[in-house]
Amino acid sequence: MALDVAVGLVLLGVCILAAALIPAGKLIARRPSGRPRYSWVALAALMLVFIFGYIGYASIGWNADTRLADLGLPLVFFGVCLVLAVSTLALSSVQYVRRLTVLENENINDSLMGIPNYRYFIARLNEEVARSIRYKLPLSLLMVDV
């Protein structure tokens, strides 16, 4: 009975990992080439290794003599490896997003004074003109030269 539950949990784990490949594939397709994309490709490959590992372990390792306690260590090891890979990838993604945020801020702010530059002004002007047209509101512009 307990072994049947373990088999069911391993098969459920295989299904969950297979389902996780779908969003991973979408993330890979949306990432620009470079290190972040290769990290997601490596994670997807690791997920495939785990899927085949679970299936192989289930087909080879389980027989009439297998006890439930014998299944725990390999399954925990695979799970720990996957958690390590995901947490490392999440950390690198956060660092990548932080760098992009800094670059965006440097792109729209003057480096000497720290105030928004002409590029920011044009972007905001386009947004306000679009809002004025969308809601049929009057638009005024006041320019002051310091």
C-alpha atoms as a PDB file:
ATOM      1  CA  MET A   1       0.000   0.000   0.000  1.00  0.00           C
ATOM      2  CA  ALA A   2       2.714   2.487   1.010  1.00  0.00           C
ATOM      3  CA  LEU A   3       4.738   1.607  -2.077  1.00  0.00           C
ATOM      4  CA  ASP A   4       1.703   2.302  -4.279  1.00  0.00           C
ATOM      5  CA  VAL A   5       1.410   5.743  -2.690  1.00  0.00           C
ATOM      6  CA  ALA A   6       5.109   6.368  -3.340  1.00  0.00           C
ATOM      7  CA  VAL A   7       4.746   5.311  -6.976  1.00  0.00           C
ATOM      8  CA  GLY A   8       1.766   7.617  -7.320  1.00  0.00           C
ATOM      9  CA  LEU A   9       3.695  10.533  -5.809  1.00  0.00           C
ATOM     10  CA  VAL A  10       6.664   9.972  -8.105  1.00  0.00           C
ATOM     11  CA  LEU A  11       4.384   9.837 -11.140  1.00  0.00           C
ATOM     12  CA  LEU A  12       2.626  12.985  -9.932  1.00  0.00           C
ATOM     13  CA  GLY A  13       6.041  14.618  -9.597  1.00  0.00           C
ATOM     14  CA  VAL A  14       6.862  13.634 -13.174  1.00  0.00           C
ATOM     15  CA  CYS A  15       3.611  15.224 -14.366  1.00  0.00           C
ATOM     16  CA  ILE A  16       4.302  18.423 -12.420  1.00  0.00           C
ATOM     17  CA  LEU A  17       7.831  18.672 -13.827  1.00  0.00           C
ATOM     18  CA  ALA A  18       6.497  18.060 -17.332  1.00  0.00           C
ATOM     19  CA  ALA A  19       3.923  20.816 -16.821  1.00  0.00           C
ATOM     20  CA  ALA A  20       6.668  23.143 -15.542  1.00  0.00           C
ATOM     21  CA  LEU A  21       8.468  22.739 -18.860  1.00  0.00           C
ATOM     22  CA  ILE A  22       5.719  24.757 -20.592  1.00  0.00           C
ATOM     23  CA  PRO A  23       6.334  28.086 -18.799  1.00  0.00           C
ATOM     24  CA  ALA A  24      10.091  27.420 -18.891  1.00  0.00           C
ATOM     25  CA  GLY A  25       9.868  27.084 -22.672  1.00  0.00           C
ATOM     26  CA  LYS A  26       7.951  30.351 -22.910  1.00  0.00           C
ATOM     27  CA  LEU A  27      10.564  32.094 -20.767  1.00  0.00           C
ATOM     28  CA  ILE A  28      13.340  30.717 -22.960  1.00  0.00           C
ATOM     29  CA  ALA A  29      11.595  32.015 -26.080  1.00  0.00           C
ATOM     30  CA  ARG A  30      11.197  35.506 -24.592  1.00  0.00           C
ATOM     31  CA  ARG A  31      14.725  35.887 -23.209  1.00  0.00           C
ATOM     32  CA  PRO A  32      17.358  37.584 -25.355  1.00  0.00           C
ATOM     33  CA  SER A  33      20.345  35.463 -26.207  1.00  0.00           C
ATOM     34  CA  GLY A  34      23.027  35.469 -23.583  1.00  0.00           C
ATOM     35  CA  ARG A  35      23.538  34.286 -20.050  1.00  0.00           C
ATOM     36  CA  PRO A  36      19.925  34.592 -18.776  1.00  0.00           C
ATOM     37  CA  ARG A  37      18.612  32.541 -21.693  1.00  0.00           C
ATOM     38  CA  TYR A  38      21.243  29.848 -21.271  1.00  0.00           C
ATOM     39  CA  SER A  39      20.397  29.608 -17.561  1.00  0.00           C
ATOM     40  CA  TRP A  40      16.752  28.907 -18.373  1.00  0.00           C
ATOM     41  CA  VAL A  41      17.796  26.362 -21.009  1.00  0.00           C
ATOM     42  CA  ALA A  42      19.989  24.658 -18.393  1.00  0.00           C
ATOM     43  CA  LEU A  43      17.066  24.591 -15.955  1.00  0.00           C
ATOM     44  CA  ALA A  44      14.783  23.027 -18.579  1.00  0.00           C
ATOM     45  CA  ALA A  45      17.453  20.437 -19.347  1.00  0.00           C
ATOM     46  CA  LEU A  46      17.781  19.700 -15.622  1.00  0.00           C
ATOM     47  CA  MET A  47      14.015  19.247 -15.411  1.00  0.00           C
ATOM     48  CA  LEU A  48      14.168  16.748 -18.292  1.00  0.00           C
ATOM     49  CA  VAL A  49      16.961  14.884 -16.517  1.00  0.00           C
ATOM     50  CA  PHE A  50      14.800  14.712 -13.393  1.00  0.00           C
ATOM     51  CA  ILE A  51      11.802  13.455 -15.360  1.00  0.00           C
ATOM     52  CA  PHE A  52      13.821  10.680 -16.984  1.00  0.00           C
ATOM     53  CA  GLY A  53      15.569   9.976 -13.695  1.00  0.00           C
ATOM     54  CA  TYR A  54      12.265   9.554 -11.862  1.00  0.00           C
ATOM     55  CA  ILE A  55      10.891   7.304 -14.592  1.00  0.00           C
ATOM     56  CA  GLY A  56      14.103   5.280 -14.754  1.00  0.00           C
ATOM     57  CA  TYR A  57      14.307   4.946 -11.006  1.00  0.00           C
ATOM     58  CA  ALA A  58      10.683   3.873 -10.861  1.00  0.00           C
ATOM     59  CA  SER A  59      11.106   1.252 -13.564  1.00  0.00           C
ATOM     60  CA  ILE A  60      14.489  -0.150 -12.511  1.00  0.00           C
ATOM     61  CA  GLY A  61      14.666   0.400  -8.780  1.00  0.00           C
ATOM     62  CA  TRP A  62      11.263  -0.770  -7.657  1.00  0.00           C
ATOM     63  CA  ASN A  63      10.584  -4.406  -7.331  1.00  0.00           C
ATOM     64  CA  ALA A  64       8.926  -6.647  -4.790  1.00  0.00           C
ATOM     65  CA  ASP A  65      11.867  -6.266  -2.368  1.00  0.00           C
ATOM     66  CA  THR A  66      11.870  -2.450  -2.389  1.00  0.00           C
ATOM     67  CA  ARG A  67      10.762  -0.779   0.816  1.00  0.00           C
ATOM     68  CA  LEU A  68       9.288   2.707   1.076  1.00  0.00           C
ATOM     69  CA  ALA A  69      12.332   3.881   3.068  1.00  0.00           C
ATOM     70  CA  ASP A  70      14.604   2.947   0.145  1.00  0.00           C
ATOM     71  CA  LEU A  71      12.881   5.480  -2.118  1.00  0.00           C
ATOM     72  CA  GLY A  72      13.325   8.543   0.056  1.00  0.00           C
ATOM     73  CA  LEU A  73      16.981   9.435  -0.402  1.00  0.00           C
ATOM     74  CA  PRO A  74      17.101   9.567  -4.225  1.00  0.00           C
ATOM     75  CA  LEU A  75      13.846  11.515  -4.420  1.00  0.00           C
ATOM     76  CA  VAL A  76      15.002  14.041  -1.806  1.00  0.00           C
ATOM     77  CA  PHE A  77      18.338  14.413  -3.621  1.00  0.00           C
ATOM     78  CA  PHE A  78      16.623  15.185  -6.938  1.00  0.00           C
ATOM     79  CA  GLY A  79      14.312  17.651  -5.235  1.00  0.00           C
ATOM     80  CA  VAL A  80      17.185  19.422  -3.506  1.00  0.00           C
ATOM     81  CA  CYS A  81      19.071  19.742  -6.806  1.00  0.00           C
ATOM     82  CA  LEU A  82      16.028  21.267  -8.460  1.00  0.00           C
ATOM     83  CA  VAL A  83      15.486  23.720  -5.587  1.00  0.00           C
ATOM     84  CA  LEU A  84      19.149  24.747  -5.781  1.00  0.00           C
ATOM     85  CA  ALA A  85      18.900  25.336  -9.532  1.00  0.00           C
ATOM     86  CA  VAL A  86      15.684  27.353  -9.250  1.00  0.00           C
ATOM     87  CA  SER A  87      16.935  29.498  -6.365  1.00  0.00           C
ATOM     88  CA  THR A  88      20.200  30.235  -8.194  1.00  0.00           C
ATOM     89  CA  LEU A  89      18.285  31.152 -11.323  1.00  0.00           C
ATOM     90  CA  ALA A  90      15.895  33.359  -9.346  1.00  0.00           C
ATOM     91  CA  LEU A  91      18.837  35.207  -7.796  1.00  0.00           C
ATOM     92  CA  SER A  92      20.452  35.818 -11.174  1.00  0.00           C
ATOM     93  CA  SER A  93      17.095  36.968 -12.600  1.00  0.00           C
ATOM     94  CA  VAL A  94      16.690  39.482  -9.770  1.00  0.00           C
ATOM     95  CA  GLN A  95      20.197  40.804 -10.395  1.00  0.00           C
ATOM     96  CA  TYR A  96      19.453  41.067 -14.117  1.00  0.00           C
ATOM     97  CA  VAL A  97      16.215  42.987 -13.474  1.00  0.00           C
ATOM     98  CA  ARG A  98      18.003  45.286 -11.031  1.00  0.00           C
ATOM     99  CA  ARG A  99      20.646  46.096 -13.660  1.00  0.00           C
ATOM    100  CA  LEU A 100      17.939  46.828 -16.225  1.00  0.00           C
ATOM    101  CA  THR A 101      16.185  49.152 -13.773  1.00  0.00           C
ATOM    102  CA  VAL A 102      19.404  51.063 -13.161  1.00  0.00           C
ATOM    103  CA  LEU A 103      19.995  51.339 -16.905  1.00  0.00           C
ATOM    104  CA  GLU A 104      16.460  52.614 -17.497  1.00  0.00           C
ATOM    105  CA  ASN A 105      16.914  55.199 -14.769  1.00  0.00           C
ATOM    106  CA  GLU A 106      20.237  56.326 -16.252  1.00  0.00           C
ATOM    107  CA  ASN A 107      18.589  56.480 -19.669  1.00  0.00           C
ATOM    108  CA  ILE A 108      15.913  58.985 -18.640  1.00  0.00           C
ATOM    109  CA  ASN A 109      17.792  61.034 -16.016  1.00  0.00           C
ATOM    110  CA  ASP A 110      20.531  63.601 -16.503  1.00  0.00           C
ATOM    111  CA  SER A 111      23.710  62.239 -14.933  1.00  0.00           C
ATOM    112  CA  LEU A 112      24.907  65.624 -13.670  1.00  0.00           C
ATOM    113  CA  MET A 113      21.748  66.994 -12.080  1.00  0.00           C
ATOM    114  CA  GLY A 114      19.693  63.820 -11.584  1.00  0.00           C
ATOM    115  CA  ILE A 115      16.589  65.303 -13.157  1.00  0.00           C
ATOM    116  CA  PRO A 116      14.586  63.861 -16.070  1.00  0.00           C
ATOM    117  CA  ASN A 117      16.103  64.588 -19.504  1.00  0.00           C
ATOM    118  CA  TYR A 118      14.703  65.399 -22.942  1.00  0.00           C
ATOM    119  CA  ARG A 119      14.071  61.736 -23.777  1.00  0.00           C
ATOM    120  CA  TYR A 120      11.867  61.427 -20.685  1.00  0.00           C
ATOM    121  CA  PHE A 121      10.079  64.653 -21.605  1.00  0.00           C
ATOM    122  CA  ILE A 122       9.225  63.363 -25.085  1.00  0.00           C
ATOM    123  CA  ALA A 123       7.991  60.015 -23.724  1.00  0.00           C
ATOM    124  CA  ARG A 124       5.781  61.715 -21.113  1.00  0.00           C
ATOM    125  CA  LEU A 125       4.498  64.225 -23.690  1.00  0.00           C
ATOM    126  CA  ASN A 126       3.449  61.358 -25.976  1.00  0.00           C
ATOM    127  CA  GLU A 127       1.675  59.642 -23.066  1.00  0.00           C
ATOM    128  CA  GLU A 128      -0.182  62.816 -22.083  1.00  0.00           C
ATOM    129  CA  VAL A 129      -1.202  63.579 -25.684  1.00  0.00           C
ATOM    130  CA  ALA A 130      -2.528  60.016 -26.042  1.00  0.00           C
ATOM    131  CA  ARG A 131      -4.441  60.374 -22.747  1.00  0.00           C
ATOM    132  CA  SER A 132      -5.875  63.718 -23.866  1.00  0.00           C
ATOM    133  CA  ILE A 133      -7.071  62.195 -27.137  1.00  0.00           C
ATOM    134  CA  ARG A 134      -8.428  59.057 -25.457  1.00  0.00           C
ATOM    135  CA  TYR A 135     -10.493  60.928 -22.859  1.00  0.00           C
ATOM    136  CA  LYS A 136     -11.226  63.933 -25.104  1.00  0.00           C
ATOM    137  CA  LEU A 137      -9.707  66.382 -22.615  1.00  0.00           C
ATOM    138  CA  PRO A 138      -7.876  69.637 -23.359  1.00  0.00           C
ATOM    139  CA  LEU A 139      -4.102  69.586 -23.022  1.00  0.00           C
ATOM    140  CA  SER A 140      -1.867  72.459 -21.977  1.00  0.00           C
ATOM    141  CA  LEU A 141       1.904  72.674 -21.972  1.00  0.00           C
ATOM    142  CA  LEU A 142       3.978  75.159 -20.009  1.00  0.00           C
ATOM    143  CA  MET A 143       7.690  75.338 -20.724  1.00  0.00           C
ATOM    144  CA  VAL A 144      10.110  77.220 -18.505  1.00  0.00           C
ATOM    145  CA  ASP A 145      13.800  77.635 -19.230  1.00  0.00           C
ATOM    146  CA  VAL A 146      15.994  77.965 -16.175  1.00  0.00           C
END
